N, C-alpha and C. Protein backbone atom coordinates (compact mmCIF):
# COMPACT_ATOMS: atom_id res chain seq x y z
N MET A 1 20.30 62.86 -111.05
CA MET A 1 18.90 62.72 -110.68
C MET A 1 18.64 61.97 -109.44
N ARG A 2 19.35 60.85 -109.01
CA ARG A 2 19.03 60.37 -107.64
C ARG A 2 19.49 61.14 -106.42
N ILE A 3 20.48 61.74 -106.76
CA ILE A 3 21.02 62.84 -105.67
C ILE A 3 20.11 63.79 -105.71
N LEU A 4 19.70 64.52 -106.61
CA LEU A 4 18.46 65.44 -106.40
C LEU A 4 17.43 65.18 -105.65
N MET A 5 16.66 63.83 -105.94
CA MET A 5 15.91 63.18 -104.93
C MET A 5 16.20 62.87 -103.81
N VAL A 6 17.25 62.72 -103.45
CA VAL A 6 17.35 62.34 -101.94
C VAL A 6 17.55 63.76 -101.22
N ALA A 7 18.24 64.69 -102.14
CA ALA A 7 18.25 65.70 -101.34
C ALA A 7 16.85 66.67 -101.02
N LEU A 8 15.89 66.24 -101.89
CA LEU A 8 14.80 66.92 -101.79
C LEU A 8 14.14 66.31 -100.76
N ALA A 9 14.17 64.82 -100.49
CA ALA A 9 13.41 64.05 -99.44
C ALA A 9 13.94 64.39 -98.14
N ALA A 10 15.38 64.65 -98.12
CA ALA A 10 16.05 64.97 -96.59
C ALA A 10 15.43 66.62 -96.60
N ALA A 11 15.08 67.48 -97.48
CA ALA A 11 14.90 68.69 -97.36
C ALA A 11 13.36 68.72 -96.67
N LEU A 12 12.68 67.86 -97.11
CA LEU A 12 11.18 68.00 -96.74
C LEU A 12 11.13 67.40 -95.37
N LEU A 13 11.84 66.25 -95.17
CA LEU A 13 11.92 65.87 -93.68
C LEU A 13 12.32 66.72 -92.82
N ALA A 14 13.33 67.55 -93.16
CA ALA A 14 13.85 68.59 -92.17
C ALA A 14 12.87 69.55 -91.98
N GLY A 15 11.89 69.86 -92.80
CA GLY A 15 10.87 70.68 -92.75
C GLY A 15 9.98 70.61 -91.93
N CYS A 16 9.54 69.02 -91.93
CA CYS A 16 8.36 68.67 -90.96
C CYS A 16 8.93 68.57 -89.63
N ALA A 17 10.23 68.26 -89.69
CA ALA A 17 10.76 67.90 -88.25
C ALA A 17 10.83 69.28 -87.59
N GLY A 18 11.08 70.00 -88.05
CA GLY A 18 11.44 71.16 -87.73
C GLY A 18 10.13 71.84 -87.00
N SER A 19 9.19 72.11 -87.64
CA SER A 19 8.23 72.50 -87.20
C SER A 19 7.66 71.68 -85.62
N ALA A 20 7.73 70.38 -86.02
CA ALA A 20 7.34 69.54 -84.88
C ALA A 20 8.13 70.00 -83.48
N MET A 21 9.51 70.13 -83.80
CA MET A 21 10.63 70.41 -82.70
C MET A 21 10.43 72.06 -82.32
N ASN A 22 9.87 72.90 -82.98
CA ASN A 22 9.53 73.85 -82.52
C ASN A 22 8.42 73.98 -82.02
N ASP A 23 7.10 73.40 -82.31
CA ASP A 23 6.02 73.37 -81.05
C ASP A 23 6.56 72.72 -79.99
N ALA A 24 7.45 71.44 -79.93
CA ALA A 24 7.75 70.97 -79.09
C ALA A 24 8.53 71.95 -77.83
N ARG A 25 9.37 72.64 -78.59
CA ARG A 25 9.91 73.54 -77.65
C ARG A 25 9.50 74.46 -76.59
N THR A 26 8.35 74.93 -76.96
CA THR A 26 7.21 75.62 -76.54
C THR A 26 6.77 75.19 -74.95
N LYS A 27 7.25 73.73 -74.79
CA LYS A 27 6.77 73.48 -73.55
C LYS A 27 8.27 72.82 -72.81
N ALA A 28 8.08 72.26 -71.74
CA ALA A 28 9.09 71.81 -71.09
C ALA A 28 9.71 70.45 -71.66
N PRO A 29 11.09 70.35 -71.56
CA PRO A 29 11.61 69.20 -72.19
C PRO A 29 10.89 67.87 -71.17
N TYR A 30 10.91 66.60 -71.90
CA TYR A 30 10.65 65.41 -71.33
C TYR A 30 11.46 65.05 -70.15
N LYS A 31 12.91 65.50 -70.48
CA LYS A 31 13.70 65.34 -69.50
C LYS A 31 14.97 66.35 -69.83
N THR A 32 15.74 66.78 -68.76
CA THR A 32 17.01 67.42 -68.80
C THR A 32 18.12 66.92 -68.32
N LEU A 33 19.09 66.65 -68.86
CA LEU A 33 20.21 65.92 -68.32
C LEU A 33 21.55 66.77 -68.80
N ASN A 34 22.57 66.28 -67.78
CA ASN A 34 23.68 66.91 -67.90
C ASN A 34 25.02 66.19 -68.09
N SER A 35 26.07 66.55 -68.70
CA SER A 35 27.39 65.98 -69.08
C SER A 35 28.52 66.75 -68.86
N ASP A 36 29.50 65.89 -68.42
CA ASP A 36 30.84 66.66 -68.49
C ASP A 36 31.53 66.53 -69.90
N LYS A 37 31.13 65.68 -70.72
CA LYS A 37 31.69 65.30 -72.04
C LYS A 37 31.34 66.38 -72.94
N PRO A 38 32.13 66.86 -73.91
CA PRO A 38 31.93 67.83 -75.06
C PRO A 38 30.82 67.56 -75.69
N ALA A 39 30.00 68.60 -75.76
CA ALA A 39 28.62 68.57 -76.58
C ALA A 39 28.64 67.63 -78.12
N LYS A 40 29.85 67.95 -78.59
CA LYS A 40 29.64 67.41 -80.11
C LYS A 40 29.95 65.98 -79.97
N ASP A 41 30.51 65.28 -78.96
CA ASP A 41 30.87 64.04 -78.91
C ASP A 41 29.48 63.24 -78.10
N VAL A 42 28.80 63.97 -77.46
CA VAL A 42 27.82 63.76 -76.85
C VAL A 42 26.58 63.54 -78.02
N ALA A 43 26.50 64.32 -78.93
CA ALA A 43 25.53 64.35 -79.94
C ALA A 43 25.79 63.34 -80.67
N GLN A 44 27.26 63.16 -81.20
CA GLN A 44 27.43 61.97 -82.07
C GLN A 44 27.10 60.54 -81.56
N CYS A 45 27.20 60.51 -80.22
CA CYS A 45 26.92 59.12 -79.45
C CYS A 45 25.52 59.33 -79.53
N VAL A 46 24.62 60.14 -79.17
CA VAL A 46 23.35 59.64 -79.22
C VAL A 46 22.87 59.49 -80.56
N GLN A 47 23.39 59.85 -81.61
CA GLN A 47 23.03 59.68 -82.99
C GLN A 47 23.29 58.24 -83.12
N PHE A 48 24.43 57.95 -82.83
CA PHE A 48 24.74 56.36 -83.12
C PHE A 48 24.13 55.54 -82.21
N SER A 49 23.58 55.93 -80.97
CA SER A 49 22.70 54.95 -80.12
C SER A 49 21.57 54.67 -80.61
N TRP A 50 21.00 55.75 -81.13
CA TRP A 50 19.57 55.88 -81.84
C TRP A 50 19.45 55.15 -83.30
N GLN A 51 20.63 54.78 -83.66
CA GLN A 51 20.67 54.19 -84.88
C GLN A 51 21.04 52.66 -84.84
N ASP A 52 20.85 52.19 -83.62
CA ASP A 52 20.72 50.79 -83.26
C ASP A 52 19.77 49.97 -83.95
N GLU A 53 19.95 49.43 -84.91
CA GLU A 53 18.62 48.43 -85.35
C GLU A 53 18.16 47.33 -84.45
N ALA A 54 19.28 46.85 -83.79
CA ALA A 54 18.70 45.70 -82.78
C ALA A 54 18.12 46.15 -81.74
N VAL A 55 18.14 47.66 -81.39
CA VAL A 55 16.94 48.04 -80.32
C VAL A 55 15.94 48.83 -80.87
N PHE A 56 16.11 49.33 -81.97
CA PHE A 56 14.99 50.28 -82.49
C PHE A 56 14.32 49.66 -83.93
N GLY A 57 15.02 48.74 -84.23
CA GLY A 57 14.36 48.09 -85.26
C GLY A 57 14.40 48.83 -86.75
N VAL A 58 13.28 48.83 -87.40
CA VAL A 58 12.91 49.83 -88.61
C VAL A 58 12.94 51.47 -88.32
N ASP A 59 12.83 51.90 -87.13
CA ASP A 59 12.75 53.07 -86.80
C ASP A 59 14.12 53.51 -86.22
N ALA A 60 15.25 52.87 -86.56
CA ALA A 60 16.50 53.16 -86.34
C ALA A 60 17.30 54.12 -87.10
N ALA A 61 16.48 55.47 -87.14
CA ALA A 61 17.07 56.71 -87.76
C ALA A 61 17.29 57.72 -86.92
N ALA A 62 18.52 58.53 -87.18
CA ALA A 62 18.80 59.43 -86.23
C ALA A 62 19.67 60.57 -87.17
N TYR A 63 19.04 61.72 -86.83
CA TYR A 63 19.97 62.65 -87.84
C TYR A 63 20.54 63.72 -86.83
N LEU A 64 21.58 64.62 -87.59
CA LEU A 64 22.20 65.70 -86.74
C LEU A 64 21.99 66.71 -87.58
N GLU A 65 21.67 68.08 -86.63
CA GLU A 65 21.45 69.33 -87.45
C GLU A 65 21.88 70.66 -86.70
N PRO A 66 22.35 71.39 -86.97
CA PRO A 66 22.79 72.66 -85.69
C PRO A 66 21.72 73.18 -85.29
N ALA A 67 21.60 73.28 -83.91
CA ALA A 67 20.43 74.03 -83.42
C ALA A 67 20.32 75.08 -83.39
N GLU A 68 18.84 75.81 -83.27
CA GLU A 68 19.08 77.28 -83.36
C GLU A 68 19.64 78.19 -82.43
N LYS A 69 19.95 77.61 -81.43
CA LYS A 69 20.41 78.65 -80.34
C LYS A 69 21.87 78.09 -79.99
N GLY A 70 22.66 77.64 -81.06
CA GLY A 70 23.98 76.84 -80.75
C GLY A 70 23.66 75.60 -80.44
N GLY A 71 24.75 74.68 -80.47
CA GLY A 71 24.89 73.25 -80.11
C GLY A 71 24.23 72.46 -81.46
N THR A 72 23.86 71.38 -80.95
CA THR A 72 23.27 70.32 -82.03
C THR A 72 22.03 69.61 -81.88
N THR A 73 21.20 69.41 -82.69
CA THR A 73 19.99 68.80 -82.34
C THR A 73 19.85 67.10 -83.10
N VAL A 74 19.67 66.44 -82.13
CA VAL A 74 19.69 65.07 -82.87
C VAL A 74 18.09 64.75 -82.70
N TYR A 75 17.67 64.09 -83.80
CA TYR A 75 16.39 63.71 -84.07
C TYR A 75 16.27 62.57 -84.87
N THR A 76 14.69 62.10 -84.62
CA THR A 76 14.19 60.70 -85.32
C THR A 76 13.42 61.23 -86.35
N ARG A 77 12.92 60.28 -87.08
CA ARG A 77 11.90 60.78 -88.09
C ARG A 77 10.79 61.47 -87.48
N SER A 78 9.94 62.41 -88.22
CA SER A 78 9.16 63.04 -87.73
C SER A 78 9.23 63.81 -86.40
N ALA A 79 10.60 63.96 -85.92
CA ALA A 79 11.14 64.47 -84.72
C ALA A 79 10.24 63.91 -83.60
N GLU A 80 9.79 62.56 -83.61
CA GLU A 80 9.06 61.94 -82.57
C GLU A 80 9.78 62.11 -81.39
N SER A 81 11.23 61.72 -81.48
CA SER A 81 11.98 62.06 -80.27
C SER A 81 13.03 63.24 -80.68
N PHE A 82 13.79 64.06 -79.86
CA PHE A 82 14.90 64.79 -80.27
C PHE A 82 15.40 65.12 -78.98
N VAL A 83 16.83 65.79 -79.13
CA VAL A 83 17.33 66.07 -77.99
C VAL A 83 18.47 67.37 -78.68
N ASP A 84 18.14 68.37 -77.94
CA ASP A 84 19.12 69.75 -78.15
C ASP A 84 20.21 69.68 -76.95
N VAL A 85 21.66 69.46 -77.73
CA VAL A 85 22.78 69.15 -77.17
C VAL A 85 23.37 70.60 -77.09
N ILE A 86 23.72 71.47 -75.98
CA ILE A 86 24.28 72.49 -76.04
C ILE A 86 25.26 72.63 -74.79
N THR A 87 26.22 73.64 -74.78
CA THR A 87 27.12 73.72 -73.66
C THR A 87 26.71 75.06 -73.16
N ASP A 88 26.97 74.96 -72.08
CA ASP A 88 26.69 76.31 -71.05
C ASP A 88 27.76 76.16 -70.11
N ALA A 89 27.76 77.36 -68.95
CA ALA A 89 28.78 77.35 -68.05
C ALA A 89 28.95 76.08 -67.09
N SER A 90 27.89 75.00 -66.84
CA SER A 90 27.61 73.99 -66.10
C SER A 90 28.05 72.89 -67.04
N GLY A 91 28.57 72.96 -68.25
CA GLY A 91 29.00 71.66 -69.26
C GLY A 91 28.03 71.57 -70.37
N THR A 92 27.71 70.34 -70.55
CA THR A 92 26.95 70.05 -71.80
C THR A 92 25.37 69.76 -71.40
N VAL A 93 24.48 70.54 -71.68
CA VAL A 93 22.93 70.04 -71.33
C VAL A 93 22.49 69.71 -72.19
N LEU A 94 21.55 68.34 -71.99
CA LEU A 94 20.76 67.91 -73.13
C LEU A 94 19.33 68.02 -72.59
N SER A 95 18.53 68.54 -73.45
CA SER A 95 16.74 68.61 -73.29
C SER A 95 16.49 67.51 -74.23
N TYR A 96 16.06 66.86 -73.90
CA TYR A 96 15.07 65.67 -74.49
C TYR A 96 13.74 66.14 -74.97
N TYR A 97 13.21 65.47 -75.67
CA TYR A 97 11.77 66.12 -76.08
C TYR A 97 11.12 64.75 -76.84
N ALA A 98 10.08 64.15 -76.39
CA ALA A 98 9.33 63.29 -76.88
C ALA A 98 8.04 63.48 -77.06
N GLN A 99 7.28 62.99 -78.34
CA GLN A 99 5.93 63.48 -78.78
C GLN A 99 5.21 62.57 -77.89
N GLN A 100 5.39 61.44 -77.63
CA GLN A 100 4.71 60.26 -76.64
C GLN A 100 5.53 60.10 -75.43
N ASP A 101 4.61 59.79 -74.41
CA ASP A 101 5.22 59.33 -72.92
C ASP A 101 5.10 57.78 -73.25
N ASP A 102 5.87 57.12 -74.00
CA ASP A 102 5.63 55.49 -74.18
C ASP A 102 6.89 54.93 -74.03
N PHE A 103 6.92 53.61 -74.38
CA PHE A 103 8.02 52.89 -74.34
C PHE A 103 9.14 53.08 -75.26
N VAL A 104 8.89 53.44 -76.27
CA VAL A 104 9.98 53.94 -77.33
C VAL A 104 10.65 55.05 -76.69
N ALA A 105 9.62 56.01 -76.18
CA ALA A 105 10.42 57.45 -75.85
C ALA A 105 11.39 57.14 -74.82
N LYS A 106 10.76 56.09 -73.76
CA LYS A 106 11.96 55.83 -72.65
C LYS A 106 13.11 55.10 -72.96
N ARG A 107 12.95 54.27 -74.19
CA ARG A 107 14.21 53.53 -74.49
C ARG A 107 15.01 54.20 -75.36
N ARG A 108 14.51 55.50 -75.95
CA ARG A 108 15.67 56.46 -76.31
C ARG A 108 15.94 57.12 -75.31
N LEU A 109 15.38 57.49 -74.23
CA LEU A 109 15.89 58.30 -73.32
C LEU A 109 17.29 57.43 -72.82
N ALA A 110 16.70 56.05 -72.42
CA ALA A 110 17.95 55.29 -72.03
C ALA A 110 19.13 55.00 -72.91
N ALA A 111 18.73 55.08 -74.15
CA ALA A 111 19.88 54.96 -75.00
C ALA A 111 20.91 56.34 -74.95
N LEU A 112 20.17 57.42 -74.80
CA LEU A 112 20.73 58.82 -74.60
C LEU A 112 21.65 58.78 -73.32
N ALA A 113 20.94 58.30 -72.43
CA ALA A 113 21.88 58.17 -71.07
C ALA A 113 23.06 57.89 -71.00
N THR A 114 23.34 56.44 -71.82
CA THR A 114 24.35 56.03 -72.03
C THR A 114 25.78 56.53 -72.48
N CYS A 115 25.32 57.96 -73.23
CA CYS A 115 26.41 58.79 -73.71
C CYS A 115 26.74 59.77 -72.87
N LEU A 116 26.14 59.88 -71.49
CA LEU A 116 26.62 61.15 -70.77
C LEU A 116 27.83 60.92 -70.30
């Protein structure tokens, strides 16, 4: 029963986050960055850095999911911040989106930048 409840909660979270992410993708990213590292390694690094409770406190949650157009999306609860990590001819491209242009968005961007 507990596993079913956890799975249901995760599905609901992904549904809400997916809608917010799709809306955000209709606009330009907050920041676009590039890396020479493999996309999978960068995505896992971003997830790990966004889960740092010493930096983000109770908001230290980050999830990975396959991106619609390939690659991986790393996102926070309610998709307040997320990054699409894809591979193209120039290497790994990170498109970072944030719902707010605030201190937390800038802090998540700084943590993301450590993974480049």
